[in-house]
Amino acid sequence: MSVLLPSDLAFALADTTRLRVLVLLHRARRELCVCELTAALDLVQPKMSRHLKALRDAQILRAQRSGQWVYYRLNPALPLWAVEVLRGFADGAESQAPYRDDLARLKTACGATGCR
């Protein structure tokens, strides 16, 4: 694994959708499937997949397939400085729209699809 550079994390955080994904994964404290992420962020799956790929390519996220479902989580090998940056963004964002709304939608996401 290559070392995560500050510029890689800055690139990820510079896009609102990617920032929303990272805040959601940080706050959820668990892996989330694509359907949970698309429902929570109210996005279409192709757009979500494009952003998830960018975050995977930057080695900020890890993906795991389980049957037809793909689950994403923050890379557990992230350096401490990156985890602290994400925590700071999540702490500052969680009470503001759209982040607050994403967290609320996550609580009801995916109940009917059986991904969990």
PDB file of N, CA and C in Angstrom:
ATOM      1  N   MET A   1       0.847  -1.178   0.000  1.00  0.00           N
ATOM      2  CA  MET A   1       0.000   0.000   0.000  1.00  0.00           C
ATOM      3  C   MET A   1       0.889   1.238   0.000  1.00  0.00           C
ATOM      4  N   SER A   2       0.556   2.167  -0.854  1.00  0.00           N
ATOM      5  CA  SER A   2       1.303   3.422  -0.868  1.00  0.00           C
ATOM      6  C   SER A   2       0.824   4.305   0.286  1.00  0.00           C
ATOM      7  N   VAL A   3       1.637   5.252   0.630  1.00  0.00           N
ATOM      8  CA  VAL A   3       1.334   6.152   1.739  1.00  0.00           C
ATOM      9  C   VAL A   3       0.308   7.187   1.285  1.00  0.00           C
ATOM     10  N   LEU A   4      -0.696   7.420   2.117  1.00  0.00           N
ATOM     11  CA  LEU A   4      -1.689   8.453   1.832  1.00  0.00           C
ATOM     12  C   LEU A   4      -1.039   9.814   2.022  1.00  0.00           C
ATOM     13  N   LEU A   5      -1.096  10.611   0.988  1.00  0.00           N
ATOM     14  CA  LEU A   5      -0.539  11.959   1.043  1.00  0.00           C
ATOM     15  C   LEU A   5      -1.627  12.952   1.446  1.00  0.00           C
ATOM     16  N   PRO A   6      -1.258  14.031   2.114  1.00  0.00           N
ATOM     17  CA  PRO A   6      -2.254  15.054   2.437  1.00  0.00           C
ATOM     18  C   PRO A   6      -3.007  15.542   1.202  1.00  0.00           C
ATOM     19  N   SER A   7      -2.331  15.626   0.068  1.00  0.00           N
ATOM     20  CA  SER A   7      -3.004  16.083  -1.155  1.00  0.00           C
ATOM     21  C   SER A   7      -4.072  15.089  -1.610  1.00  0.00           C
ATOM     22  N   ASP A   8      -3.873  13.781  -1.356  1.00  0.00           N
ATOM     23  CA  ASP A   8      -4.885  12.777  -1.701  1.00  0.00           C
ATOM     24  C   ASP A   8      -6.142  12.970  -0.857  1.00  0.00           C
ATOM     25  N   LEU A   9      -5.952  13.195   0.431  1.00  0.00           N
ATOM     26  CA  LEU A   9      -7.100  13.413   1.305  1.00  0.00           C
ATOM     27  C   LEU A   9      -7.780  14.737   0.974  1.00  0.00           C
ATOM     28  N   ALA A  10      -7.004  15.759   0.677  1.00  0.00           N
ATOM     29  CA  ALA A  10      -7.582  17.055   0.304  1.00  0.00           C
ATOM     30  C   ALA A  10      -8.422  16.925  -0.960  1.00  0.00           C
ATOM     31  N   PHE A  11      -7.947  16.133  -1.927  1.00  0.00           N
ATOM     32  CA  PHE A  11      -8.711  15.892  -3.154  1.00  0.00           C
ATOM     33  C   PHE A  11     -10.049  15.241  -2.813  1.00  0.00           C
ATOM     34  N   ALA A  12     -10.029  14.254  -1.932  1.00  0.00           N
ATOM     35  CA  ALA A  12     -11.261  13.564  -1.552  1.00  0.00           C
ATOM     36  C   ALA A  12     -12.224  14.504  -0.846  1.00  0.00           C
ATOM     37  N   LEU A  13     -11.702  15.345   0.028  1.00  0.00           N
ATOM     38  CA  LEU A  13     -12.550  16.241   0.808  1.00  0.00           C
ATOM     39  C   LEU A  13     -13.042  17.443   0.008  1.00  0.00           C
ATOM     40  N   ALA A  14     -12.420  17.705  -1.134  1.00  0.00           N
ATOM     41  CA  ALA A  14     -12.790  18.867  -1.947  1.00  0.00           C
ATOM     42  C   ALA A  14     -14.109  18.676  -2.678  1.00  0.00           C
ATOM     43  N   ASP A  15     -14.569  17.445  -2.795  1.00  0.00           N
ATOM     44  CA  ASP A  15     -15.832  17.167  -3.474  1.00  0.00           C
ATOM     45  C   ASP A  15     -16.912  16.939  -2.415  1.00  0.00           C
ATOM     46  N   THR A  16     -18.023  17.626  -2.542  1.00  0.00           N
ATOM     47  CA  THR A  16     -19.084  17.542  -1.536  1.00  0.00           C
ATOM     48  C   THR A  16     -19.614  16.130  -1.371  1.00  0.00           C
ATOM     49  N   THR A  17     -19.824  15.417  -2.468  1.00  0.00           N
ATOM     50  CA  THR A  17     -20.352  14.057  -2.362  1.00  0.00           C
ATOM     51  C   THR A  17     -19.367  13.146  -1.649  1.00  0.00           C
ATOM     52  N   ARG A  18     -18.096  13.229  -2.008  1.00  0.00           N
ATOM     53  CA  ARG A  18     -17.102  12.383  -1.340  1.00  0.00           C
ATOM     54  C   ARG A  18     -16.984  12.749   0.137  1.00  0.00           C
ATOM     55  N   LEU A  19     -17.059  14.021   0.448  1.00  0.00           N
ATOM     56  CA  LEU A  19     -17.020  14.438   1.851  1.00  0.00           C
ATOM     57  C   LEU A  19     -18.224  13.884   2.605  1.00  0.00           C
ATOM     58  N   ARG A  20     -19.391  13.922   1.984  1.00  0.00           N
ATOM     59  CA  ARG A  20     -20.595  13.379   2.619  1.00  0.00           C
ATOM     60  C   ARG A  20     -20.437  11.886   2.893  1.00  0.00           C
ATOM     61  N   VAL A  21     -19.867  11.152   1.936  1.00  0.00           N
ATOM     62  CA  VAL A  21     -19.623   9.715   2.124  1.00  0.00           C
ATOM     63  C   VAL A  21     -18.688   9.494   3.305  1.00  0.00           C
ATOM     64  N   LEU A  22     -17.605  10.252   3.353  1.00  0.00           N
ATOM     65  CA  LEU A  22     -16.619  10.069   4.422  1.00  0.00           C
ATOM     66  C   LEU A  22     -17.188  10.431   5.790  1.00  0.00           C
ATOM     67  N   VAL A  23     -17.956  11.508   5.865  1.00  0.00           N
ATOM     68  CA  VAL A  23     -18.582  11.882   7.137  1.00  0.00           C
ATOM     69  C   VAL A  23     -19.550  10.790   7.571  1.00  0.00           C
ATOM     70  N   LEU A  24     -20.336  10.272   6.639  1.00  0.00           N
ATOM     71  CA  LEU A  24     -21.307   9.230   6.959  1.00  0.00           C
ATOM     72  C   LEU A  24     -20.610   7.964   7.452  1.00  0.00           C
ATOM     73  N   LEU A  25     -19.570   7.531   6.756  1.00  0.00           N
ATOM     74  CA  LEU A  25     -18.848   6.331   7.186  1.00  0.00           C
ATOM     75  C   LEU A  25     -18.162   6.548   8.534  1.00  0.00           C
ATOM     76  N   HIS A  26     -17.632   7.731   8.754  1.00  0.00           N
ATOM     77  CA  HIS A  26     -16.985   8.011  10.041  1.00  0.00           C
ATOM     78  C   HIS A  26     -18.007   7.980  11.165  1.00  0.00           C
ATOM     79  N   ARG A  27     -19.150   8.602  10.955  1.00  0.00           N
ATOM     80  CA  ARG A  27     -20.178   8.658  11.995  1.00  0.00           C
ATOM     81  C   ARG A  27     -20.886   7.317  12.193  1.00  0.00           C
ATOM     82  N   ALA A  28     -21.045   6.538  11.127  1.00  0.00           N
ATOM     83  CA  ALA A  28     -21.738   5.254  11.235  1.00  0.00           C
ATOM     84  C   ALA A  28     -20.926   4.264  12.069  1.00  0.00           C
ATOM     85  N   ARG A  29     -19.613   4.398  12.032  1.00  0.00           N
ATOM     86  CA  ARG A  29     -18.709   3.514  12.760  1.00  0.00           C
ATOM     87  C   ARG A  29     -18.911   2.047  12.401  1.00  0.00           C
ATOM     88  N   ARG A  30     -19.317   1.811  11.164  1.00  0.00           N
ATOM     89  CA  ARG A  30     -19.475   0.455  10.638  1.00  0.00           C
ATOM     90  C   ARG A  30     -19.393   0.532   9.131  1.00  0.00           C
ATOM     91  N   GLU A  31     -19.267  -0.626   8.506  1.00  0.00           N
ATOM     92  CA  GLU A  31     -19.279  -0.629   7.046  1.00  0.00           C
ATOM     93  C   GLU A  31     -20.700  -0.409   6.559  1.00  0.00           C
ATOM     94  N   LEU A  32     -20.818   0.193   5.387  1.00  0.00           N
ATOM     95  CA  LEU A  32     -22.119   0.476   4.785  1.00  0.00           C
ATOM     96  C   LEU A  32     -22.140  -0.081   3.378  1.00  0.00           C
ATOM     97  N   CYS A  33     -23.288  -0.618   2.970  1.00  0.00           N
ATOM     98  CA  CYS A  33     -23.410  -1.120   1.604  1.00  0.00           C
ATOM     99  C   CYS A  33     -23.733   0.046   0.662  1.00  0.00           C
ATOM    100  N   VAL A  34     -23.552  -0.207  -0.606  1.00  0.00           N
ATOM    101  CA  VAL A  34     -23.807   0.830  -1.613  1.00  0.00           C
ATOM    102  C   VAL A  34     -25.247   1.319  -1.519  1.00  0.00           C
ATOM    103  N   CYS A  35     -26.188   0.397  -1.304  1.00  0.00           N
ATOM    104  CA  CYS A  35     -27.593   0.824  -1.246  1.00  0.00           C
ATOM    105  C   CYS A  35     -27.851   1.734  -0.044  1.00  0.00           C
ATOM    106  N   GLU A  36     -27.177   1.497   1.078  1.00  0.00           N
ATOM    107  CA  GLU A  36     -27.326   2.387   2.231  1.00  0.00           C
ATOM    108  C   GLU A  36     -26.772   3.770   1.917  1.00  0.00           C
ATOM    109  N   LEU A  37     -25.617   3.800   1.262  1.00  0.00           N
ATOM    110  CA  LEU A  37     -24.999   5.082   0.914  1.00  0.00           C
ATOM    111  C   LEU A  37     -25.842   5.853  -0.095  1.00  0.00           C
ATOM    112  N   THR A  38     -26.358   5.168  -1.126  1.00  0.00           N
ATOM    113  CA  THR A  38     -27.172   5.871  -2.124  1.00  0.00           C
ATOM    114  C   THR A  38     -28.470   6.385  -1.499  1.00  0.00           C
ATOM    115  N   ALA A  39     -29.066   5.594  -0.608  1.00  0.00           N
ATOM    116  CA  ALA A  39     -30.302   6.038   0.047  1.00  0.00           C
ATOM    117  C   ALA A  39     -30.031   7.204   0.996  1.00  0.00           C
ATOM    118  N   ALA A  40     -28.964   7.112   1.765  1.00  0.00           N
ATOM    119  CA  ALA A  40     -28.663   8.162   2.742  1.00  0.00           C
ATOM    120  C   ALA A  40     -28.322   9.485   2.065  1.00  0.00           C
ATOM    121  N   LEU A  41     -27.608   9.416   0.944  1.00  0.00           N
ATOM    122  CA  LEU A  41     -27.206  10.639   0.246  1.00  0.00           C
ATOM    123  C   LEU A  41     -28.202  11.033  -0.839  1.00  0.00           C
ATOM    124  N   ASP A  42     -29.227  10.194  -1.043  1.00  0.00           N
ATOM    125  CA  ASP A  42     -30.263  10.449  -2.049  1.00  0.00           C
ATOM    126  C   ASP A  42     -29.640  10.663  -3.432  1.00  0.00           C
ATOM    127  N   LEU A  43     -28.766   9.716  -3.823  1.00  0.00           N
ATOM    128  CA  LEU A  43     -28.079   9.760  -5.116  1.00  0.00           C
ATOM    129  C   LEU A  43     -28.382   8.507  -5.914  1.00  0.00           C
ATOM    130  N   VAL A  44     -28.160   8.582  -7.208  1.00  0.00           N
ATOM    131  CA  VAL A  44     -28.308   7.395  -8.047  1.00  0.00           C
ATOM    132  C   VAL A  44     -27.048   6.550  -7.928  1.00  0.00           C
ATOM    133  N   GLN A  45     -27.205   5.243  -8.123  1.00  0.00           N
ATOM    134  CA  GLN A  45     -26.111   4.303  -7.913  1.00  0.00           C
ATOM    135  C   GLN A  45     -24.888   4.562  -8.795  1.00  0.00           C
ATOM    136  N   PRO A  46     -25.037   4.864 -10.102  1.00  0.00           N
ATOM    137  CA  PRO A  46     -23.829   5.113 -10.906  1.00  0.00           C
ATOM    138  C   PRO A  46     -22.989   6.284 -10.388  1.00  0.00           C
ATOM    139  N   LYS A  47     -23.638   7.346  -9.950  1.00  0.00           N
ATOM    140  CA  LYS A  47     -22.896   8.491  -9.411  1.00  0.00           C
ATOM    141  C   LYS A  47     -22.179   8.095  -8.120  1.00  0.00           C
ATOM    142  N   MET A  48     -22.872   7.355  -7.260  1.00  0.00           N
ATOM    143  CA  MET A  48     -22.259   6.908  -6.009  1.00  0.00           C
ATOM    144  C   MET A  48     -21.063   6.010  -6.297  1.00  0.00           C
ATOM    145  N   SER A  49     -21.209   5.093  -7.234  1.00  0.00           N
ATOM    146  CA  SER A  49     -20.113   4.174  -7.565  1.00  0.00           C
ATOM    147  C   SER A  49     -18.881   4.919  -8.059  1.00  0.00           C
ATOM    148  N   ARG A  50     -19.084   5.953  -8.827  1.00  0.00           N
ATOM    149  CA  ARG A  50     -17.963   6.756  -9.333  1.00  0.00           C
ATOM    150  C   ARG A  50     -17.186   7.401  -8.172  1.00  0.00           C
ATOM    151  N   HIS A  51     -17.909   7.926  -7.196  1.00  0.00           N
ATOM    152  CA  HIS A  51     -17.253   8.549  -6.046  1.00  0.00           C
ATOM    153  C   HIS A  51     -16.586   7.502  -5.150  1.00  0.00           C
ATOM    154  N   LEU A  52     -17.231   6.366  -4.974  1.00  0.00           N
ATOM    155  CA  LEU A  52     -16.632   5.304  -4.166  1.00  0.00           C
ATOM    156  C   LEU A  52     -15.349   4.790  -4.806  1.00  0.00           C
ATOM    157  N   LYS A  53     -15.333   4.690  -6.129  1.00  0.00           N
ATOM    158  CA  LYS A  53     -14.123   4.252  -6.830  1.00  0.00           C
ATOM    159  C   LYS A  53     -12.982   5.239  -6.596  1.00  0.00           C
ATOM    160  N   ALA A  54     -13.272   6.527  -6.664  1.00  0.00           N
ATOM    161  CA  ALA A  54     -12.234   7.538  -6.428  1.00  0.00           C
ATOM    162  C   ALA A  54     -11.670   7.412  -5.013  1.00  0.00           C
ATOM    163  N   LEU A  55     -12.528   7.154  -4.044  1.00  0.00           N
ATOM    164  CA  LEU A  55     -12.074   7.007  -2.660  1.00  0.00           C
ATOM    165  C   LEU A  55     -11.307   5.705  -2.451  1.00  0.00           C
ATOM    166  N   ARG A  56     -11.717   4.653  -3.148  1.00  0.00           N
ATOM    167  CA  ARG A  56     -10.962   3.385  -3.101  1.00  0.00           C
ATOM    168  C   ARG A  56      -9.600   3.553  -3.749  1.00  0.00           C
ATOM    169  N   ASP A  57      -9.578   4.189  -4.916  1.00  0.00           N
ATOM    170  CA  ASP A  57      -8.314   4.397  -5.632  1.00  0.00           C
ATOM    171  C   ASP A  57      -7.323   5.208  -4.802  1.00  0.00           C
ATOM    172  N   ALA A  58      -7.830   6.138  -4.000  1.00  0.00           N
ATOM    173  CA  ALA A  58      -6.972   6.939  -3.121  1.00  0.00           C
ATOM    174  C   ALA A  58      -6.615   6.181  -1.842  1.00  0.00           C
ATOM    175  N   GLN A  59      -7.140   4.966  -1.700  1.00  0.00           N
ATOM    176  CA  GLN A  59      -6.909   4.092  -0.548  1.00  0.00           C
ATOM    177  C   GLN A  59      -7.463   4.668   0.750  1.00  0.00           C
ATOM    178  N   ILE A  60      -8.518   5.464   0.618  1.00  0.00           N
ATOM    179  CA  ILE A  60      -9.188   6.016   1.791  1.00  0.00           C
ATOM    180  C   ILE A  60     -10.280   5.063   2.260  1.00  0.00           C
ATOM    181  N   LEU A  61     -10.862   4.323   1.309  1.00  0.00           N
ATOM    182  CA  LEU A  61     -11.895   3.335   1.623  1.00  0.00           C
ATOM    183  C   LEU A  61     -11.417   1.939   1.275  1.00  0.00           C
ATOM    184  N   ARG A  62     -12.023   0.958   1.932  1.00  0.00           N
ATOM    185  CA  ARG A  62     -11.857  -0.453   1.614  1.00  0.00           C
ATOM    186  C   ARG A  62     -13.239  -0.999   1.270  1.00  0.00           C
ATOM    187  N   ALA A  63     -13.273  -1.919   0.319  1.00  0.00           N
ATOM    188  CA  ALA A  63     -14.530  -2.539  -0.095  1.00  0.00           C
ATOM    189  C   ALA A  63     -14.443  -4.037   0.128  1.00  0.00           C
ATOM    190  N   GLN A  64     -15.585  -4.630   0.480  1.00  0.00           N
ATOM    191  CA  GLN A  64     -15.668  -6.078   0.639  1.00  0.00           C
ATOM    192  C   GLN A  64     -16.986  -6.547   0.048  1.00  0.00           C
ATOM    193  N   ARG A  65     -16.896  -7.531  -0.827  1.00  0.00           N
ATOM    194  CA  ARG A  65     -18.093  -8.095  -1.446  1.00  0.00           C
ATOM    195  C   ARG A  65     -18.595  -9.248  -0.588  1.00  0.00           C
ATOM    196  N   SER A  66     -19.915  -9.294  -0.423  1.00  0.00           N
ATOM    197  CA  SER A  66     -20.576 -10.394   0.271  1.00  0.00           C
ATOM    198  C   SER A  66     -21.813 -10.741  -0.541  1.00  0.00           C
ATOM    199  N   GLY A  67     -21.705 -11.784  -1.375  1.00  0.00           N
ATOM    200  CA  GLY A  67     -22.793 -12.117  -2.287  1.00  0.00           C
ATOM    201  C   GLY A  67     -22.975 -11.001  -3.291  1.00  0.00           C
ATOM    202  N   GLN A  68     -24.194 -10.498  -3.393  1.00  0.00           N
ATOM    203  CA  GLN A  68     -24.453  -9.416  -4.350  1.00  0.00           C
ATOM    204  C   GLN A  68     -24.185  -8.034  -3.762  1.00  0.00           C
ATOM    205  N   TRP A  69     -23.836  -7.964  -2.495  1.00  0.00           N
ATOM    206  CA  TRP A  69     -23.646  -6.684  -1.827  1.00  0.00           C
ATOM    207  C   TRP A  69     -22.168  -6.330  -1.730  1.00  0.00           C
ATOM    208  N   VAL A  70     -21.873  -5.038  -1.849  1.00  0.00           N
ATOM    209  CA  VAL A  70     -20.519  -4.532  -1.624  1.00  0.00           C
ATOM    210  C   VAL A  70     -20.594  -3.564  -0.452  1.00  0.00           C
ATOM    211  N   TYR A  71     -19.747  -3.818   0.544  1.00  0.00           N
ATOM    212  CA  TYR A  71     -19.720  -3.005   1.753  1.00  0.00           C
ATOM    213  C   TYR A  71     -18.452  -2.161   1.774  1.00  0.00           C
ATOM    214  N   TYR A  72     -18.600  -0.918   2.188  1.00  0.00           N
ATOM    215  CA  TYR A  72     -17.480   0.022   2.244  1.00  0.00           C
ATOM    216  C   TYR A  72     -17.241   0.454   3.680  1.00  0.00           C
ATOM    217  N   ARG A  73     -15.969   0.684   3.981  1.00  0.00           N
ATOM    218  CA  ARG A  73     -15.581   1.193   5.291  1.00  0.00           C
ATOM    219  C   ARG A  73     -14.343   2.052   5.109  1.00  0.00           C
ATOM    220  N   LEU A  74     -14.094   2.883   6.091  1.00  0.00           N
ATOM    221  CA  LEU A  74     -12.848   3.641   6.072  1.00  0.00           C
ATOM    222  C   LEU A  74     -11.697   2.653   6.170  1.00  0.00           C
ATOM    223  N   ASN A  75     -10.646   2.930   5.457  1.00  0.00           N
ATOM    224  CA  ASN A  75      -9.472   2.067   5.480  1.00  0.00           C
ATOM    225  C   ASN A  75      -8.906   2.047   6.905  1.00  0.00           C
ATOM    226  N   PRO A  76      -8.851   0.872   7.542  1.00  0.00           N
ATOM    227  CA  PRO A  76      -8.327   0.828   8.911  1.00  0.00           C
ATOM    228  C   PRO A  76      -6.840   1.176   8.995  1.00  0.00           C
ATOM    229  N   ALA A  77      -6.153   1.195   7.851  1.00  0.00           N
ATOM    230  CA  ALA A  77      -4.728   1.538   7.833  1.00  0.00           C
ATOM    231  C   ALA A  77      -4.485   3.030   7.592  1.00  0.00           C
ATOM    232  N   LEU A  78      -5.554   3.841   7.637  1.00  0.00           N
ATOM    233  CA  LEU A  78      -5.357   5.284   7.472  1.00  0.00           C
ATOM    234  C   LEU A  78      -4.407   5.796   8.549  1.00  0.00           C
ATOM    235  N   PRO A  79      -3.513   6.696   8.180  1.00  0.00           N
ATOM    236  CA  PRO A  79      -2.638   7.269   9.207  1.00  0.00           C
ATOM    237  C   PRO A  79      -3.454   8.093  10.205  1.00  0.00           C
ATOM    238  N   LEU A  80      -2.932   8.194  11.403  1.00  0.00           N
ATOM    239  CA  LEU A  80      -3.635   8.902  12.475  1.00  0.00           C
ATOM    240  C   LEU A  80      -3.989  10.331  12.086  1.00  0.00           C
ATOM    241  N   TRP A  81      -3.098  11.025  11.390  1.00  0.00           N
ATOM    242  CA  TRP A  81      -3.391  12.407  11.007  1.00  0.00           C
ATOM    243  C   TRP A  81      -4.632  12.467  10.123  1.00  0.00           C
ATOM    244  N   ALA A  82      -4.818  11.467   9.237  1.00  0.00           N
ATOM    245  CA  ALA A  82      -5.979  11.449   8.344  1.00  0.00           C
ATOM    246  C   ALA A  82      -7.259  11.166   9.125  1.00  0.00           C
ATOM    247  N   VAL A  83      -7.181  10.256  10.082  1.00  0.00           N
ATOM    248  CA  VAL A  83      -8.337   9.954  10.931  1.00  0.00           C
ATOM    249  C   VAL A  83      -8.746  11.203  11.710  1.00  0.00           C
ATOM    250  N   GLU A  84      -7.771  11.938  12.212  1.00  0.00           N
ATOM    251  CA  GLU A  84      -8.061  13.163  12.962  1.00  0.00           C
ATOM    252  C   GLU A  84      -8.703  14.230  12.069  1.00  0.00           C
ATOM    253  N   VAL A  85      -8.237  14.344  10.839  1.00  0.00           N
ATOM    254  CA  VAL A  85      -8.838  15.293   9.893  1.00  0.00           C
ATOM    255  C   VAL A  85     -10.290  14.905   9.634  1.00  0.00           C
ATOM    256  N   LEU A  86     -10.544  13.620   9.380  1.00  0.00           N
ATOM    257  CA  LEU A  86     -11.915  13.158   9.134  1.00  0.00           C
ATOM    258  C   LEU A  86     -12.793  13.392  10.359  1.00  0.00           C
ATOM    259  N   ARG A  87     -12.258  13.137  11.534  1.00  0.00           N
ATOM    260  CA  ARG A  87     -13.023  13.373  12.763  1.00  0.00           C
ATOM    261  C   ARG A  87     -13.386  14.854  12.890  1.00  0.00           C
ATOM    262  N   GLY A  88     -12.448  15.720  12.580  1.00  0.00           N
ATOM    263  CA  GLY A  88     -12.719  17.156  12.639  1.00  0.00           C
ATOM    264  C   GLY A  88     -13.813  17.574  11.675  1.00  0.00           C
ATOM    265  N   PHE A  89     -13.752  17.060  10.449  1.00  0.00           N
ATOM    266  CA  PHE A  89     -14.800  17.374   9.482  1.00  0.00           C
ATOM    267  C   PHE A  89     -16.143  16.828   9.948  1.00  0.00           C
ATOM    268  N   ALA A  90     -16.163  15.590  10.432  1.00  0.00           N
ATOM    269  CA  ALA A  90     -17.416  14.985  10.878  1.00  0.00           C
ATOM    270  C   ALA A  90     -17.998  15.754  12.059  1.00  0.00           C
ATOM    271  N   ASP A  91     -17.152  16.136  13.013  1.00  0.00           N
ATOM    272  CA  ASP A  91     -17.633  16.901  14.172  1.00  0.00           C
ATOM    273  C   ASP A  91     -18.236  18.236  13.741  1.00  0.00           C
ATOM    274  N   GLY A  92     -17.602  18.887  12.794  1.00  0.00           N
ATOM    275  CA  GLY A  92     -18.090  20.182  12.338  1.00  0.00           C
ATOM    276  C   GLY A  92     -19.306  20.103  11.439  1.00  0.00           C
ATOM    277  N   ALA A  93     -19.460  18.980  10.749  1.00  0.00           N
ATOM    278  CA  ALA A  93     -20.503  18.874   9.732  1.00  0.00           C
ATOM    279  C   ALA A  93     -21.794  18.240  10.222  1.00  0.00           C
ATOM    280  N   GLU A  94     -21.740  17.411  11.252  1.00  0.00           N
ATOM    281  CA  GLU A  94     -22.886  16.574  11.601  1.00  0.00           C
ATOM    282  C   GLU A  94     -24.155  17.349  11.941  1.00  0.00           C
ATOM    283  N   SER A  95     -24.047  18.591  12.357  1.00  0.00           N
ATOM    284  CA  SER A  95     -25.246  19.358  12.707  1.00  0.00           C
ATOM    285  C   SER A  95     -25.734  20.237  11.559  1.00  0.00           C
ATOM    286  N   GLN A  96     -25.076  20.157  10.412  1.00  0.00           N
ATOM    287  CA  GLN A  96     -25.431  21.001   9.274  1.00  0.00           C
ATOM    288  C   GLN A  96     -25.996  20.166   8.128  1.00  0.00           C
ATOM    289  N   ALA A  97     -26.912  20.785   7.362  1.00  0.00           N
ATOM    290  CA  ALA A  97     -27.387  20.140   6.138  1.00  0.00           C
ATOM    291  C   ALA A  97     -26.250  20.217   5.130  1.00  0.00           C
ATOM    292  N   PRO A  98     -26.071  19.228   4.288  1.00  0.00           N
ATOM    293  CA  PRO A  98     -26.841  18.000   4.114  1.00  0.00           C
ATOM    294  C   PRO A  98     -26.382  16.851   5.000  1.00  0.00           C
ATOM    295  N   TYR A  99     -25.317  17.042   5.771  1.00  0.00           N
ATOM    296  CA  TYR A  99     -24.745  15.945   6.556  1.00  0.00           C
ATOM    297  C   TYR A  99     -25.725  15.431   7.606  1.00  0.00           C
ATOM    298  N   ARG A 100     -26.395  16.335   8.294  1.00  0.00           N
ATOM    299  CA  ARG A 100     -27.394  15.962   9.297  1.00  0.00           C
ATOM    300  C   ARG A 100     -28.498  15.132   8.648  1.00  0.00           C
ATOM    301  N   ASP A 101     -28.936  15.563   7.458  1.00  0.00           N
ATOM    302  CA  ASP A 101     -29.997  14.853   6.750  1.00  0.00           C
ATOM    303  C   ASP A 101     -29.527  13.476   6.288  1.00  0.00           C
ATOM    304  N   ASP A 102     -28.262  13.374   5.861  1.00  0.00           N
ATOM    305  CA  ASP A 102     -27.707  12.078   5.451  1.00  0.00           C
ATOM    306  C   ASP A 102     -27.748  11.095   6.617  1.00  0.00           C
ATOM    307  N   LEU A 103     -27.339  11.554   7.791  1.00  0.00           N
ATOM    308  CA  LEU A 103     -27.331  10.687   8.974  1.00  0.00           C
ATOM    309  C   LEU A 103     -28.743  10.241   9.335  1.00  0.00           C
ATOM    310  N   ALA A 104     -29.711  11.141   9.213  1.00  0.00           N
ATOM    311  CA  ALA A 104     -31.101  10.783   9.508  1.00  0.00           C
ATOM    312  C   ALA A 104     -31.624   9.762   8.505  1.00  0.00           C
ATOM    313  N   ARG A 105     -31.319   9.958   7.213  1.00  0.00           N
ATOM    314  CA  ARG A 105     -31.781   9.004   6.195  1.00  0.00           C
ATOM    315  C   ARG A 105     -31.122   7.639   6.365  1.00  0.00           C
ATOM    316  N   LEU A 106     -29.885   7.618   6.834  1.00  0.00           N
ATOM    317  CA  LEU A 106     -29.192   6.342   7.023  1.00  0.00           C
ATOM    318  C   LEU A 106     -29.936   5.450   8.010  1.00  0.00           C
ATOM    319  N   LYS A 107     -30.562   6.047   8.994  1.00  0.00           N
ATOM    320  CA  LYS A 107     -31.273   5.266  10.012  1.00  0.00           C
ATOM    321  C   LYS A 107     -32.424   4.460   9.427  1.00  0.00           C
ATOM    322  N   THR A 108     -32.962   4.887   8.288  1.00  0.00           N
ATOM    323  CA  THR A 108     -34.087   4.175   7.675  1.00  0.00           C
ATOM    324  C   THR A 108     -33.721   3.549   6.335  1.00  0.00           C
ATOM    325  N   ALA A 109     -32.463   3.642   5.939  1.00  0.00           N
ATOM    326  CA  ALA A 109     -32.038   3.164   4.618  1.00  0.00           C
ATOM    327  C   ALA A 109     -32.028   1.645   4.557  1.00  0.00           C
ATOM    328  N   CYS A 110     -32.419   1.145   3.408  1.00  0.00           N
ATOM    329  CA  CYS A 110     -32.190  -0.250   3.045  1.00  0.00           C
ATOM    330  C   CYS A 110     -32.996  -1.286   3.796  1.00  0.00           C
ATOM    331  N   GLY A 111     -34.002  -0.925   4.516  1.00  0.00           N
ATOM    332  CA  GLY A 111     -34.756  -1.925   5.258  1.00  0.00           C
ATOM    333  C   GLY A 111     -35.381  -2.999   4.399  1.00  0.00           C
ATOM    334  N   ALA A 112     -35.864  -2.647   3.222  1.00  0.00           N
ATOM    335  CA  ALA A 112     -36.590  -3.603   2.389  1.00  0.00           C
ATOM    336  C   ALA A 112     -35.698  -4.427   1.474  1.00  0.00           C
ATOM    337  N   THR A 113     -34.474  -4.004   1.239  1.00  0.00           N
ATOM    338  CA  THR A 113     -33.653  -4.703   0.253  1.00  0.00           C
ATOM    339  C   THR A 113     -32.927  -5.907   0.814  1.00  0.00           C
ATOM    340  N   GLY A 114     -32.814  -6.012   2.115  1.00  0.00           N
ATOM    341  CA  GLY A 114     -32.197  -7.184   2.711  1.00  0.00           C
ATOM    342  C   GLY A 114     -30.686  -7.214   2.678  1.00  0.00           C
ATOM    343  N   CYS A 115     -30.041  -6.082   2.535  1.00  0.00           N
ATOM    344  CA  CYS A 115     -28.577  -6.075   2.491  1.00  0.00           C
ATOM    345  C   CYS A 115     -27.982  -6.360   3.865  1.00  0.00           C
ATOM    346  N   ARG A 116     -28.747  -6.237   4.884  1.00  0.00           N
ATOM    347  CA  ARG A 116     -28.251  -6.522   6.249  1.00  0.00           C
ATOM    348  C   ARG A 116     -28.883  -7.767   6.789  1.00  0.00           C
TER     349      ARG A 116
END
